[in-house]
N, C-alpha and C. Protein backbone atom coordinates (compact mmCIF):
# COMPACT_ATOMS: atom_id res chain seq x y z
N ILE A 1 -11.59 66.84 27.70
CA ILE A 1 -11.52 68.30 27.31
C ILE A 1 -12.57 69.14 28.26
N TYR A 2 -13.53 68.48 28.43
CA TYR A 2 -14.67 69.16 29.23
C TYR A 2 -14.30 69.12 30.89
N SER A 3 -13.59 68.07 31.04
CA SER A 3 -13.21 68.05 32.69
C SER A 3 -12.07 68.87 32.81
N CYS A 4 -11.22 69.37 31.84
CA CYS A 4 -10.03 69.96 32.01
C CYS A 4 -10.39 71.50 32.02
N MET A 5 -11.78 71.93 31.55
CA MET A 5 -12.22 73.41 31.37
C MET A 5 -12.39 73.81 32.79
N LYS A 6 -11.85 74.96 32.82
CA LYS A 6 -12.05 76.13 33.99
C LYS A 6 -13.43 76.42 34.23
N HIS A 7 -14.31 76.77 33.45
CA HIS A 7 -15.71 76.95 33.51
C HIS A 7 -16.25 76.11 32.74
N ARG A 8 -16.92 74.76 33.42
CA ARG A 8 -17.70 73.79 32.86
C ARG A 8 -18.96 74.00 32.54
N ASN A 9 -19.41 74.56 31.41
CA ASN A 9 -20.72 74.74 31.03
C ASN A 9 -20.79 74.55 29.63
N ILE A 10 -22.07 74.48 28.99
CA ILE A 10 -22.49 74.15 27.74
C ILE A 10 -21.96 75.39 26.75
N LYS A 11 -21.88 76.73 27.29
CA LYS A 11 -21.59 77.83 26.80
C LYS A 11 -20.17 77.59 26.22
N HIS A 12 -19.23 77.53 27.42
CA HIS A 12 -17.87 77.64 27.04
C HIS A 12 -17.33 76.32 26.32
N PHE A 13 -18.08 75.25 26.54
CA PHE A 13 -17.86 73.95 25.78
C PHE A 13 -18.05 74.21 24.29
N SER A 14 -19.50 74.85 23.93
CA SER A 14 -19.54 74.78 22.71
C SER A 14 -18.64 75.87 22.01
N ILE A 15 -18.24 76.86 22.64
CA ILE A 15 -17.21 77.78 22.03
C ILE A 15 -16.04 77.02 21.82
N ALA A 16 -15.38 76.19 22.58
CA ALA A 16 -14.40 75.58 22.44
C ALA A 16 -14.21 74.30 21.36
N THR A 17 -15.51 73.74 21.22
CA THR A 17 -15.84 72.84 20.27
C THR A 17 -15.83 73.47 18.96
N THR A 18 -16.55 74.68 18.59
CA THR A 18 -16.58 75.37 17.56
C THR A 18 -15.30 75.77 16.92
N CYS A 19 -14.48 76.39 17.91
CA CYS A 19 -13.34 76.92 17.44
C CYS A 19 -12.27 75.77 16.97
N ALA A 20 -12.34 74.83 17.70
CA ALA A 20 -11.50 73.49 17.51
C ALA A 20 -11.79 72.92 15.87
N ILE A 21 -13.17 72.88 15.50
CA ILE A 21 -13.77 72.65 14.63
C ILE A 21 -13.47 73.38 13.30
N ALA A 22 -13.52 74.66 13.65
CA ALA A 22 -12.96 75.71 12.53
C ALA A 22 -11.67 75.70 12.06
N ILE A 23 -10.70 75.55 13.24
CA ILE A 23 -9.41 75.22 13.02
C ILE A 23 -9.20 74.27 12.09
N CYS A 24 -9.72 72.97 12.33
CA CYS A 24 -9.49 71.82 11.56
C CYS A 24 -10.02 72.01 10.15
N VAL A 25 -11.20 72.91 10.06
CA VAL A 25 -11.88 72.75 8.81
C VAL A 25 -11.05 73.60 7.86
N PHE A 26 -10.26 74.80 8.26
CA PHE A 26 -9.52 75.48 7.65
C PHE A 26 -8.15 74.90 7.39
N THR A 27 -7.79 74.41 8.38
CA THR A 27 -6.50 73.54 8.05
C THR A 27 -6.43 72.63 6.98
N TYR A 28 -7.41 71.54 7.10
CA TYR A 28 -7.47 70.35 5.97
C TYR A 28 -7.88 70.93 4.80
N THR A 29 -8.88 72.07 4.84
CA THR A 29 -9.12 72.48 3.46
C THR A 29 -8.09 73.27 2.54
N GLY A 30 -7.35 73.76 3.22
CA GLY A 30 -6.14 74.37 3.06
C GLY A 30 -5.21 73.49 2.02
N ALA A 31 -5.07 72.29 2.78
CA ALA A 31 -4.26 71.50 2.55
C ALA A 31 -4.62 70.65 1.28
N ALA A 32 -6.01 70.48 1.39
CA ALA A 32 -6.44 69.73 0.37
C ALA A 32 -6.68 70.53 -0.94
N THR A 33 -6.85 71.68 -0.92
CA THR A 33 -7.07 72.68 -1.78
C THR A 33 -5.72 72.95 -2.93
N PHE A 34 -4.63 73.24 -1.78
CA PHE A 34 -3.42 73.35 -2.36
C PHE A 34 -2.68 72.17 -3.22
N GLY A 35 -3.20 70.93 -2.14
CA GLY A 35 -2.73 69.78 -3.08
C GLY A 35 -3.24 69.52 -4.26
N TYR A 36 -4.65 69.64 -4.52
CA TYR A 36 -5.13 69.35 -5.79
C TYR A 36 -4.84 70.55 -6.89
N LEU A 37 -4.68 71.90 -6.37
CA LEU A 37 -4.26 72.71 -7.25
C LEU A 37 -2.75 72.50 -7.74
N THR A 38 -2.01 71.49 -6.94
CA THR A 38 -0.55 71.28 -7.50
C THR A 38 -0.54 69.97 -8.35
N PHE A 39 -1.36 68.94 -7.86
CA PHE A 39 -1.44 67.78 -8.62
C PHE A 39 -2.66 67.26 -9.39
N GLY A 40 -3.57 68.17 -9.20
CA GLY A 40 -4.90 67.96 -10.00
C GLY A 40 -5.57 66.50 -9.59
N SER A 41 -6.18 65.82 -10.37
CA SER A 41 -6.95 64.73 -10.03
C SER A 41 -6.14 63.37 -9.73
N LYS A 42 -4.75 63.80 -9.93
CA LYS A 42 -3.50 62.77 -9.37
C LYS A 42 -3.14 62.76 -8.20
N VAL A 43 -3.78 63.78 -7.12
CA VAL A 43 -3.51 63.72 -5.89
C VAL A 43 -3.69 62.72 -5.16
N SER A 44 -2.91 62.29 -4.23
CA SER A 44 -3.02 61.07 -3.19
C SER A 44 -3.80 61.39 -2.04
N PRO A 45 -4.55 60.29 -1.55
CA PRO A 45 -4.89 60.78 -0.21
C PRO A 45 -3.89 61.30 0.88
N ASP A 46 -2.77 60.51 0.78
CA ASP A 46 -1.52 60.73 1.61
C ASP A 46 -0.73 61.89 0.59
N ILE A 47 -1.00 62.97 0.61
CA ILE A 47 -0.14 63.87 -0.42
C ILE A 47 1.35 63.77 -0.13
N LEU A 48 1.76 63.20 0.77
CA LEU A 48 3.31 63.08 0.67
C LEU A 48 4.03 62.03 -0.26
N THR A 49 3.03 61.05 -0.47
CA THR A 49 3.36 60.01 -1.68
C THR A 49 3.37 60.59 -2.98
N ASN A 50 2.85 62.04 -3.17
CA ASN A 50 2.95 62.53 -4.62
C ASN A 50 4.35 62.96 -4.66
N TYR A 51 5.19 63.16 -3.56
CA TYR A 51 6.40 63.85 -3.98
C TYR A 51 7.56 62.79 -3.94
N ASP A 52 8.69 62.82 -4.29
CA ASP A 52 10.09 62.19 -4.52
C ASP A 52 10.50 62.28 -3.15
N ALA A 53 10.69 61.13 -2.61
CA ALA A 53 11.35 61.02 -1.13
C ALA A 53 12.86 61.07 -1.16
N SER A 54 13.32 61.00 -2.25
CA SER A 54 14.86 61.17 -2.65
C SER A 54 15.28 62.70 -2.49
N GLN A 55 14.24 63.59 -2.33
CA GLN A 55 14.55 64.98 -2.29
C GLN A 55 14.58 65.34 -0.73
N PRO A 56 15.95 65.92 -0.25
CA PRO A 56 16.08 66.06 1.00
C PRO A 56 15.00 66.94 1.75
N SER A 57 14.28 68.02 1.10
CA SER A 57 13.07 68.51 1.73
C SER A 57 12.08 67.49 1.95
N VAL A 58 11.82 66.83 1.14
CA VAL A 58 10.61 65.94 1.16
C VAL A 58 11.04 64.94 2.31
N MET A 59 12.20 64.66 2.31
CA MET A 59 12.78 63.65 3.57
C MET A 59 12.70 64.29 4.94
N ILE A 60 12.88 65.52 4.82
CA ILE A 60 12.60 66.35 6.21
C ILE A 60 11.30 66.38 6.68
N ALA A 61 10.26 66.55 5.56
CA ALA A 61 8.99 66.45 6.03
C ALA A 61 8.68 65.21 6.67
N LEU A 62 8.90 63.91 5.72
CA LEU A 62 8.78 62.72 6.59
C LEU A 62 9.16 62.50 7.87
N ILE A 63 10.59 62.88 7.95
CA ILE A 63 11.06 62.84 9.52
C ILE A 63 10.17 63.58 10.34
N ALA A 64 9.74 64.83 10.04
CA ALA A 64 8.86 65.65 10.90
C ALA A 64 7.59 64.94 11.09
N MET A 65 6.91 64.06 9.99
CA MET A 65 5.74 63.46 10.37
C MET A 65 5.98 62.24 11.23
N ALA A 66 7.17 61.64 11.37
CA ALA A 66 7.39 60.53 12.11
C ALA A 66 7.69 60.95 13.47
N LEU A 67 8.36 62.26 13.57
CA LEU A 67 8.46 62.79 15.06
C LEU A 67 6.96 62.85 15.63
N LYS A 68 6.31 63.66 14.64
CA LYS A 68 4.80 64.01 15.25
C LYS A 68 4.33 62.71 15.74
N THR A 69 4.37 61.61 15.07
CA THR A 69 3.54 60.53 15.27
C THR A 69 4.41 59.99 16.55
N TYR A 70 5.50 60.02 17.00
CA TYR A 70 6.24 59.58 18.17
C TYR A 70 5.96 60.46 19.25
N THR A 71 5.66 61.75 19.09
CA THR A 71 5.46 62.62 20.17
C THR A 71 3.91 62.31 20.57
N THR A 72 2.94 62.02 19.54
CA THR A 72 1.63 62.04 20.02
C THR A 72 1.10 60.52 20.49
N TYR A 73 2.01 59.74 20.18
CA TYR A 73 1.52 58.24 20.64
C TYR A 73 1.48 58.06 22.16
N PRO A 74 2.24 58.76 23.07
CA PRO A 74 2.03 58.73 24.44
C PRO A 74 0.55 59.20 24.76
N ILE A 75 0.11 60.34 23.96
CA ILE A 75 -1.15 60.84 24.44
C ILE A 75 -2.25 59.95 23.99
N LEU A 76 -2.17 59.63 22.91
CA LEU A 76 -3.28 58.75 22.39
C LEU A 76 -3.31 57.46 23.30
N LEU A 77 -2.31 57.15 23.68
CA LEU A 77 -1.91 55.52 24.52
C LEU A 77 -2.63 56.06 25.87
N PHE A 78 -2.42 57.29 26.38
CA PHE A 78 -2.96 57.50 27.79
C PHE A 78 -4.46 57.65 27.79
N CYS A 79 -5.05 58.29 26.61
CA CYS A 79 -6.34 58.35 26.35
C CYS A 79 -7.14 57.09 26.32
N GLY A 80 -6.47 56.32 25.61
CA GLY A 80 -7.11 54.96 25.36
C GLY A 80 -7.08 53.97 26.41
N ARG A 81 -5.93 54.02 27.19
CA ARG A 81 -5.64 53.27 28.41
C ARG A 81 -6.74 53.59 29.32
N GLU A 82 -7.00 54.90 29.73
CA GLU A 82 -7.81 55.45 30.75
C GLU A 82 -9.16 54.86 30.37
N GLY A 83 -9.47 55.10 28.73
CA GLY A 83 -10.95 54.60 28.43
C GLY A 83 -11.23 53.01 28.99
N MET A 84 -10.22 52.43 28.43
CA MET A 84 -10.23 51.08 28.66
C MET A 84 -10.32 50.56 30.02
N SER A 85 -9.44 51.25 30.72
CA SER A 85 -9.44 50.80 32.14
C SER A 85 -10.75 51.29 32.86
N THR A 86 -11.42 52.66 32.36
CA THR A 86 -12.74 52.75 33.06
C THR A 86 -13.93 51.68 32.89
N ILE A 87 -13.76 51.15 31.37
CA ILE A 87 -14.80 50.34 30.85
C ILE A 87 -14.64 49.17 31.71
N ILE A 88 -13.20 48.49 31.84
CA ILE A 88 -13.24 47.37 32.41
C ILE A 88 -13.42 47.29 34.09
N LYS A 89 -13.05 48.63 34.50
CA LYS A 89 -13.34 48.69 35.92
C LYS A 89 -14.98 48.60 36.20
N ASP A 90 -15.85 49.33 35.07
CA ASP A 90 -17.40 49.45 35.33
C ASP A 90 -18.01 48.29 35.15
N LEU A 91 -17.27 47.32 34.33
CA LEU A 91 -18.09 46.14 33.93
C LEU A 91 -17.64 45.01 34.91
N PHE A 92 -16.25 44.87 35.29
CA PHE A 92 -15.80 43.53 35.82
C PHE A 92 -15.36 43.77 37.29
N VAL A 93 -14.90 45.02 37.81
CA VAL A 93 -14.20 45.08 38.99
C VAL A 93 -15.18 45.87 39.86
N LYS A 94 -15.45 45.06 41.09
CA LYS A 94 -16.65 45.68 41.99
C LYS A 94 -15.95 46.33 43.37
N VAL A 95 -14.90 45.80 43.78
CA VAL A 95 -14.08 46.72 44.55
C VAL A 95 -12.66 47.14 44.24
N ASP A 96 -12.52 48.39 43.80
CA ASP A 96 -11.21 48.90 43.14
C ASP A 96 -10.17 48.96 44.34
N THR A 97 -8.91 48.89 44.02
CA THR A 97 -7.61 49.41 44.74
C THR A 97 -6.62 49.82 44.00
N PRO A 98 -5.90 50.77 44.84
CA PRO A 98 -4.51 51.33 43.99
C PRO A 98 -3.73 50.32 43.35
N GLY A 99 -3.64 48.92 43.93
CA GLY A 99 -2.90 47.97 43.44
C GLY A 99 -3.37 47.45 42.20
N LYS A 100 -4.78 47.20 42.26
CA LYS A 100 -5.58 46.61 40.70
C LYS A 100 -5.41 47.51 39.82
N GLU A 101 -5.77 48.81 40.28
CA GLU A 101 -5.65 50.03 39.12
C GLU A 101 -4.11 50.14 38.50
N LYS A 102 -3.06 50.02 39.32
CA LYS A 102 -1.95 49.95 38.78
C LYS A 102 -1.70 48.65 37.84
N PHE A 103 -1.98 47.46 38.49
CA PHE A 103 -1.87 46.40 37.58
C PHE A 103 -2.45 46.32 36.24
N ARG A 104 -4.05 46.96 36.41
CA ARG A 104 -4.72 47.16 34.97
C ARG A 104 -3.83 48.30 34.07
N ARG A 105 -3.50 49.12 34.66
CA ARG A 105 -2.87 50.15 33.77
C ARG A 105 -1.65 49.54 32.79
N TYR A 106 -0.69 48.57 33.54
CA TYR A 106 0.34 47.89 33.20
C TYR A 106 -0.08 47.02 32.06
N VAL A 107 -1.26 46.38 32.34
CA VAL A 107 -1.70 45.21 31.25
C VAL A 107 -2.25 45.99 30.08
N ILE A 108 -2.80 46.93 30.15
CA ILE A 108 -3.50 47.45 29.07
C ILE A 108 -2.46 48.20 28.02
N ALA A 109 -1.62 48.99 29.00
CA ALA A 109 -0.46 49.55 28.18
C ALA A 109 0.55 48.64 27.45
N THR A 110 0.78 47.64 27.97
CA THR A 110 1.67 46.44 27.59
C THR A 110 1.25 46.00 26.27
N ILE A 111 -0.26 45.56 26.25
CA ILE A 111 -1.03 44.99 25.04
C ILE A 111 -1.07 46.00 24.12
N TRP A 112 -1.63 47.11 24.25
CA TRP A 112 -1.57 48.30 23.42
C TRP A 112 -0.42 48.34 22.66
N PHE A 113 0.78 48.42 23.43
CA PHE A 113 1.96 48.77 22.65
C PHE A 113 2.79 47.35 21.69
N ILE A 114 2.24 46.13 22.26
CA ILE A 114 2.49 45.07 21.53
C ILE A 114 1.67 45.17 19.95
N CYS A 115 0.70 45.29 20.32
CA CYS A 115 -0.45 45.19 19.17
C CYS A 115 0.02 46.37 18.12
N SER A 116 0.32 47.42 18.73
CA SER A 116 0.90 48.67 17.83
C SER A 116 2.29 48.11 17.17
N LEU A 117 2.94 47.48 17.79
CA LEU A 117 4.32 47.10 17.44
C LEU A 117 4.22 45.85 16.20
N VAL A 118 3.27 45.06 16.40
CA VAL A 118 2.64 43.82 15.56
C VAL A 118 2.31 44.33 14.32
N MET A 119 1.22 45.42 14.39
CA MET A 119 0.66 45.79 13.03
C MET A 119 1.80 46.80 12.40
N ALA A 120 2.49 47.26 12.82
CA ALA A 120 3.53 48.32 12.37
C ALA A 120 4.38 47.33 11.55
N ILE A 121 4.66 46.23 11.96
CA ILE A 121 5.45 45.23 11.36
C ILE A 121 5.02 44.37 10.39
N GLU A 122 3.80 44.05 10.47
CA GLU A 122 2.99 42.71 9.52
C GLU A 122 2.22 43.53 8.67
N ILE A 123 1.80 44.91 8.71
CA ILE A 123 1.02 45.61 7.52
C ILE A 123 2.10 46.29 6.59
N PRO A 124 2.38 45.55 5.35
CA PRO A 124 3.30 46.24 4.62
C PRO A 124 3.01 47.78 3.85
N ASN A 125 1.64 47.94 3.80
CA ASN A 125 1.43 49.41 3.18
C ASN A 125 0.58 50.14 4.28
N ILE A 126 1.30 51.31 4.88
CA ILE A 126 0.64 52.19 5.60
C ILE A 126 -0.83 52.80 5.04
N GLY A 127 -0.66 53.12 3.99
CA GLY A 127 -1.74 53.61 3.28
C GLY A 127 -3.11 52.89 3.56
N ALA A 128 -3.01 51.48 3.82
CA ALA A 128 -4.44 50.92 4.04
C ALA A 128 -4.93 51.45 5.18
N VAL A 129 -3.93 51.20 6.38
CA VAL A 129 -4.32 51.72 7.63
C VAL A 129 -4.76 52.93 7.66
N ILE A 130 -4.21 53.99 6.90
CA ILE A 130 -4.39 55.64 6.88
C ILE A 130 -6.01 55.68 6.35
N ASN A 131 -6.24 54.90 5.53
CA ASN A 131 -7.65 54.91 4.69
C ASN A 131 -8.59 54.54 5.63
N MET A 132 -8.46 53.52 6.48
CA MET A 132 -9.29 52.83 7.40
C MET A 132 -9.43 53.68 8.33
N LEU A 133 -8.34 54.36 8.99
CA LEU A 133 -8.66 55.37 10.05
C LEU A 133 -9.22 56.58 9.75
N GLY A 134 -9.01 56.99 8.81
CA GLY A 134 -9.51 58.29 8.24
C GLY A 134 -11.10 58.41 8.57
N SER A 135 -11.79 57.39 8.33
CA SER A 135 -13.11 57.41 8.54
C SER A 135 -13.41 57.83 10.22
N LEU A 136 -12.56 57.31 11.19
CA LEU A 136 -12.78 57.75 12.49
C LEU A 136 -12.84 59.11 12.76
N ALA A 137 -12.19 60.02 11.84
CA ALA A 137 -12.18 61.25 11.97
C ALA A 137 -13.41 62.07 12.06
N ALA A 138 -14.54 61.39 11.45
CA ALA A 138 -16.03 61.88 11.54
C ALA A 138 -16.33 61.63 12.83
N ILE A 139 -16.08 60.54 13.48
CA ILE A 139 -16.50 60.06 14.78
C ILE A 139 -16.08 61.20 16.02
N PHE A 140 -14.59 61.56 15.80
CA PHE A 140 -13.88 62.32 16.69
C PHE A 140 -14.57 63.92 16.61
N ILE A 141 -14.83 64.14 15.06
CA ILE A 141 -15.20 65.80 14.94
C ILE A 141 -16.64 66.08 14.91
N PHE A 142 -17.51 64.72 14.81
CA PHE A 142 -18.94 65.13 14.60
C PHE A 142 -19.72 64.29 15.61
N VAL A 143 -19.33 63.05 15.66
CA VAL A 143 -20.13 61.99 16.80
C VAL A 143 -19.95 62.36 18.06
N PHE A 144 -18.86 62.49 18.55
CA PHE A 144 -18.52 62.70 19.93
C PHE A 144 -19.09 64.25 20.55
N PRO A 145 -18.53 65.03 19.86
CA PRO A 145 -19.26 66.43 19.92
C PRO A 145 -20.81 66.35 20.29
N GLY A 146 -21.42 65.86 19.31
CA GLY A 146 -22.74 65.67 19.28
C GLY A 146 -23.34 64.97 20.32
N VAL A 147 -22.88 63.88 20.70
CA VAL A 147 -23.23 63.18 21.85
C VAL A 147 -23.22 64.05 23.21
N CYS A 148 -21.82 64.73 23.55
CA CYS A 148 -21.77 65.59 24.50
C CYS A 148 -22.94 66.65 24.61
N LEU A 149 -23.13 67.22 23.50
CA LEU A 149 -24.00 68.30 23.49
C LEU A 149 -25.47 67.79 23.80
N LEU A 150 -25.54 66.43 23.23
CA LEU A 150 -26.86 65.91 23.36
C LEU A 150 -27.29 65.63 25.01
N GLN A 151 -26.07 64.93 25.49
CA GLN A 151 -26.20 64.63 27.08
C GLN A 151 -26.36 65.89 27.83
N THR A 152 -25.53 66.84 27.52
CA THR A 152 -25.60 68.12 28.40
C THR A 152 -27.16 68.86 28.21
N THR A 153 -27.58 69.03 26.97
CA THR A 153 -28.86 69.42 26.95
C THR A 153 -29.98 68.79 27.57
N LEU A 154 -30.06 67.33 27.58
CA LEU A 154 -31.06 66.68 28.24
C LEU A 154 -30.55 66.71 29.83
N MET A 155 -29.46 66.69 30.32
CA MET A 155 -29.31 66.89 31.59
C MET A 155 -29.79 68.42 32.30
N LYS A 156 -29.82 69.12 31.40
CA LYS A 156 -30.53 70.56 31.95
C LYS A 156 -31.87 70.69 31.54
N ASP A 157 -32.24 70.22 30.68
CA ASP A 157 -33.54 70.32 30.21
C ASP A 157 -34.10 69.00 29.59
N PRO A 158 -34.44 68.01 30.50
CA PRO A 158 -34.82 66.79 29.92
C PRO A 158 -36.28 66.76 28.95
N ALA A 159 -37.01 67.75 29.14
CA ALA A 159 -38.32 67.76 28.44
C ALA A 159 -37.93 68.60 27.13
N VAL A 160 -36.81 69.26 26.87
CA VAL A 160 -36.47 69.99 25.81
C VAL A 160 -37.60 70.92 25.51
N SER A 161 -37.92 71.91 26.45
CA SER A 161 -39.09 72.59 26.55
C SER A 161 -38.82 73.97 26.17
N THR A 162 -37.27 74.73 26.32
CA THR A 162 -37.21 75.84 25.94
C THR A 162 -36.58 76.00 24.61
N ASN A 163 -36.49 77.26 23.79
CA ASN A 163 -36.17 77.25 22.39
C ASN A 163 -34.60 76.98 22.52
N ARG A 164 -33.92 77.46 23.45
CA ARG A 164 -32.40 77.14 23.39
C ARG A 164 -32.14 75.71 23.50
N SER A 165 -32.85 74.99 24.33
CA SER A 165 -32.79 73.45 24.29
C SER A 165 -33.10 72.78 23.10
N ARG A 166 -33.97 73.24 22.41
CA ARG A 166 -34.60 72.53 21.03
C ARG A 166 -33.43 73.08 20.17
N LEU A 167 -32.69 74.11 20.05
CA LEU A 167 -31.81 74.62 19.00
C LEU A 167 -30.60 73.74 19.35
N ASN A 168 -30.12 73.55 20.81
CA ASN A 168 -28.97 72.39 21.01
C ASN A 168 -29.36 70.88 20.74
N PHE A 169 -30.48 70.94 21.05
CA PHE A 169 -30.94 69.34 20.71
C PHE A 169 -30.84 69.04 18.86
N SER A 170 -31.31 70.19 18.13
CA SER A 170 -31.18 70.00 16.90
C SER A 170 -29.87 69.98 16.33
N MET A 171 -29.04 70.66 16.91
CA MET A 171 -27.47 70.83 16.62
C MET A 171 -26.89 69.50 16.91
N ALA A 172 -27.29 68.96 18.06
CA ALA A 172 -26.62 67.58 18.43
C ALA A 172 -27.18 66.39 17.47
N VAL A 173 -28.42 66.40 17.11
CA VAL A 173 -28.80 65.64 15.99
C VAL A 173 -28.08 65.73 14.63
N ILE A 174 -28.15 66.98 14.31
CA ILE A 174 -27.40 67.08 12.87
C ILE A 174 -25.96 66.49 13.04
N PHE A 175 -25.33 67.07 14.14
CA PHE A 175 -23.84 66.38 14.23
C PHE A 175 -23.69 64.99 14.27
N LEU A 176 -24.65 64.24 14.87
CA LEU A 176 -24.63 62.77 14.92
C LEU A 176 -25.14 62.36 13.52
N LEU A 177 -25.94 62.80 12.80
CA LEU A 177 -26.38 62.48 11.37
C LEU A 177 -25.26 62.55 10.50
N LEU A 178 -24.60 63.82 10.50
CA LEU A 178 -23.52 64.03 9.56
C LEU A 178 -22.48 63.11 9.66
N GLY A 179 -21.98 62.93 11.12
CA GLY A 179 -21.13 61.99 11.39
C GLY A 179 -21.12 60.56 11.22
N ALA A 180 -22.45 60.13 11.33
CA ALA A 180 -22.68 58.59 10.83
C ALA A 180 -22.51 58.78 9.23
N PHE A 181 -23.22 59.60 8.36
CA PHE A 181 -22.80 59.62 7.01
C PHE A 181 -21.48 59.38 6.61
N LEU A 182 -20.91 60.64 7.17
CA LEU A 182 -19.31 60.47 6.51
C LEU A 182 -18.58 59.32 7.22
N PHE A 183 -18.93 58.84 8.25
CA PHE A 183 -18.15 57.60 8.77
C PHE A 183 -18.41 56.42 7.68
N GLY A 184 -19.57 56.32 7.39
CA GLY A 184 -20.23 55.20 6.63
C GLY A 184 -19.55 55.20 5.20
N CYS A 185 -19.59 56.68 4.51
CA CYS A 185 -19.22 56.87 3.16
C CYS A 185 -17.52 56.47 3.26
N VAL A 186 -16.57 57.24 4.21
CA VAL A 186 -15.29 57.22 3.85
C VAL A 186 -14.95 55.58 4.43
N LEU A 187 -15.57 54.92 5.22
CA LEU A 187 -15.09 53.53 5.47
C LEU A 187 -15.49 52.76 4.37
N THR A 188 -16.51 52.82 3.63
CA THR A 188 -16.95 52.17 2.25
C THR A 188 -15.97 52.43 1.35
N GLN A 189 -15.41 53.61 1.10
CA GLN A 189 -14.59 53.97 0.15
C GLN A 189 -13.43 53.39 0.27
N ALA A 190 -12.87 53.19 1.69
CA ALA A 190 -11.39 52.73 2.13
C ALA A 190 -11.53 51.47 1.88
N ILE A 191 -12.49 50.71 2.18
CA ILE A 191 -12.42 49.14 1.99
C ILE A 191 -12.44 48.71 0.64
N ILE A 192 -13.14 49.45 -0.07
CA ILE A 192 -13.26 49.28 -1.81
C ILE A 192 -12.10 49.66 -2.32
N PHE A 193 -11.48 50.66 -1.90
CA PHE A 193 -9.94 51.06 -2.44
C PHE A 193 -8.90 49.89 -1.97
N ASN A 194 -9.01 49.67 -0.67
CA ASN A 194 -8.01 48.57 -0.29
C ASN A 194 -8.33 47.15 -0.78
N LEU A 195 -9.48 46.86 -1.36
CA LEU A 195 -9.70 45.55 -1.97
C LEU A 195 -9.30 45.70 -3.46
N SER A 196 -9.26 46.83 -4.04
CA SER A 196 -8.80 47.09 -5.47
C SER A 196 -7.24 46.57 -5.76
N ASP A 197 -7.06 46.76 -7.15
CA ASP A 197 -5.65 46.49 -7.45
C ASP A 197 -4.88 47.91 -7.27
N ASP A 198 -5.68 49.13 -7.32
CA ASP A 198 -4.91 50.55 -7.28
C ASP A 198 -4.29 50.45 -5.81
N SER A 199 -4.62 49.77 -4.78
CA SER A 199 -4.02 50.00 -3.44
C SER A 199 -2.80 49.68 -3.07
N THR A 200 -2.02 48.86 -4.29
CA THR A 200 -0.71 48.54 -4.23
C THR A 200 0.16 49.78 -4.67
N GLY A 201 0.84 50.16 -3.72
CA GLY A 201 1.88 51.31 -3.90
C GLY A 201 3.34 51.06 -3.96
N THR A 202 4.23 51.98 -4.38
CA THR A 202 5.80 51.97 -4.18
C THR A 202 6.12 52.40 -2.94
N PRO A 203 7.05 51.74 -2.36
CA PRO A 203 7.52 52.45 -0.97
C PRO A 203 8.08 53.89 -1.23
N LEU A 204 7.97 54.96 -0.38
CA LEU A 204 8.64 56.37 -0.42
C LEU A 204 10.09 56.15 -0.61
N CYS A 205 10.86 55.43 0.25
CA CYS A 205 12.34 55.43 0.52
C CYS A 205 12.62 54.44 0.31
N VAL A 206 13.10 54.33 -1.35
CA VAL A 206 13.95 53.27 -1.93
C VAL A 206 15.08 53.39 -2.44
N PRO A 207 16.21 52.84 -2.06
CA PRO A 207 17.56 53.37 -2.40
C PRO A 207 17.70 53.16 -4.19
N GLU A 208 18.57 53.87 -4.63
CA GLU A 208 18.65 53.50 -5.99
C GLU A 208 19.51 52.45 -6.26
N SER A 209 20.41 52.38 -5.63
CA SER A 209 21.17 50.88 -6.07
C SER A 209 21.90 50.76 -4.90
N VAL A 210 22.71 49.46 -4.87
CA VAL A 210 23.49 48.97 -3.55
C VAL A 210 24.66 50.13 -3.73
N SER A 211 25.50 50.36 -4.81
CA SER A 211 26.42 51.33 -4.84
C SER A 211 26.25 52.66 -4.93
N GLY A 212 24.81 52.91 -5.43
CA GLY A 212 24.58 54.42 -5.41
C GLY A 212 24.25 55.20 -4.53
N PRO A 213 24.08 56.46 -4.33
CA PRO A 213 23.71 57.43 -3.34
C PRO A 213 22.84 57.07 -2.42
N ARG A 214 22.65 57.21 -1.25
CA ARG A 214 21.52 56.81 -0.30
C ARG A 214 20.64 58.17 -0.09
N VAL A 215 19.40 57.93 0.44
CA VAL A 215 18.64 59.11 0.67
C VAL A 215 19.17 59.82 1.96
N PHE A 216 19.69 58.98 2.93
CA PHE A 216 20.41 59.71 3.97
C PHE A 216 21.55 60.33 3.99
N THR A 217 22.14 59.97 2.79
CA THR A 217 23.45 60.77 2.49
C THR A 217 23.14 62.03 1.65
N ARG A 218 22.11 61.85 1.01
CA ARG A 218 21.62 63.21 0.60
C ARG A 218 21.12 64.03 1.32
N LEU A 219 20.53 63.71 2.28
CA LEU A 219 19.96 64.64 3.37
C LEU A 219 21.17 64.92 4.16
N ALA A 220 22.08 64.29 4.62
CA ALA A 220 23.10 64.81 5.25
C ALA A 220 23.65 65.96 4.70
N SER A 221 24.12 65.69 3.27
CA SER A 221 24.83 66.59 2.52
C SER A 221 23.81 67.96 2.40
N TYR A 222 22.73 67.86 2.09
CA TYR A 222 21.60 68.85 2.34
C TYR A 222 21.74 69.67 3.64
N VAL A 223 21.93 69.06 4.47
CA VAL A 223 21.85 69.64 6.09
C VAL A 223 23.27 70.27 5.92
N TYR A 224 24.35 69.63 5.67
CA TYR A 224 25.65 70.42 5.84
C TYR A 224 25.79 71.65 5.21
N TRP A 225 25.33 71.55 3.85
CA TRP A 225 25.40 72.74 3.02
C TRP A 225 24.48 73.93 3.53
N GLN A 226 23.48 73.47 4.02
CA GLN A 226 22.57 74.48 4.56
C GLN A 226 23.13 75.42 5.85
N THR A 227 23.77 74.54 6.59
CA THR A 227 24.43 75.03 7.77
C THR A 227 25.72 75.59 7.43
């Protein structure tokens, strides 16, 4: 994000980070609040599991989530591929060439895709993965911005002599500590939940019977009558 900014300075980066965090806070807080008001203490970490997937409206939401995952996968793959390629280049490659860089991109993307495919096939309950990956949100929201703020502050004022530098340094430390605390708490809860008997769930999309109505038939009928 910082490298793509038109004005690369701590002021604009802080504004962009604050706005992004504020949007995430309001969005997730609203979803969590309305979910709890609807289902109370029985609300699930994945709120879609609280709804009946046989209903066409819920199935549309599930399809929308699948499309969202499908469209964001290339972006995440690009970021991960570039990060891994940079690490490999800095650690193992002394003289880099366009041919080596292209081969490295192909290998990383292929391995990444195969691992994603194997995990999608072999892991029966996506809820276990969601619980584990949810802890990484604290890293992306708090730890990484805190590290960036800390580095930019030390680059401009290594001695942290001004009041502005002290304030930025304090905010960076708060972000790092809060991110580490949330990451540890959420990861511990996810591990405990996945090892407990409550982690077993029923798939959302289960046909009623061999000869009975199917979910996609209901969905098609719903779309037909709506149009």
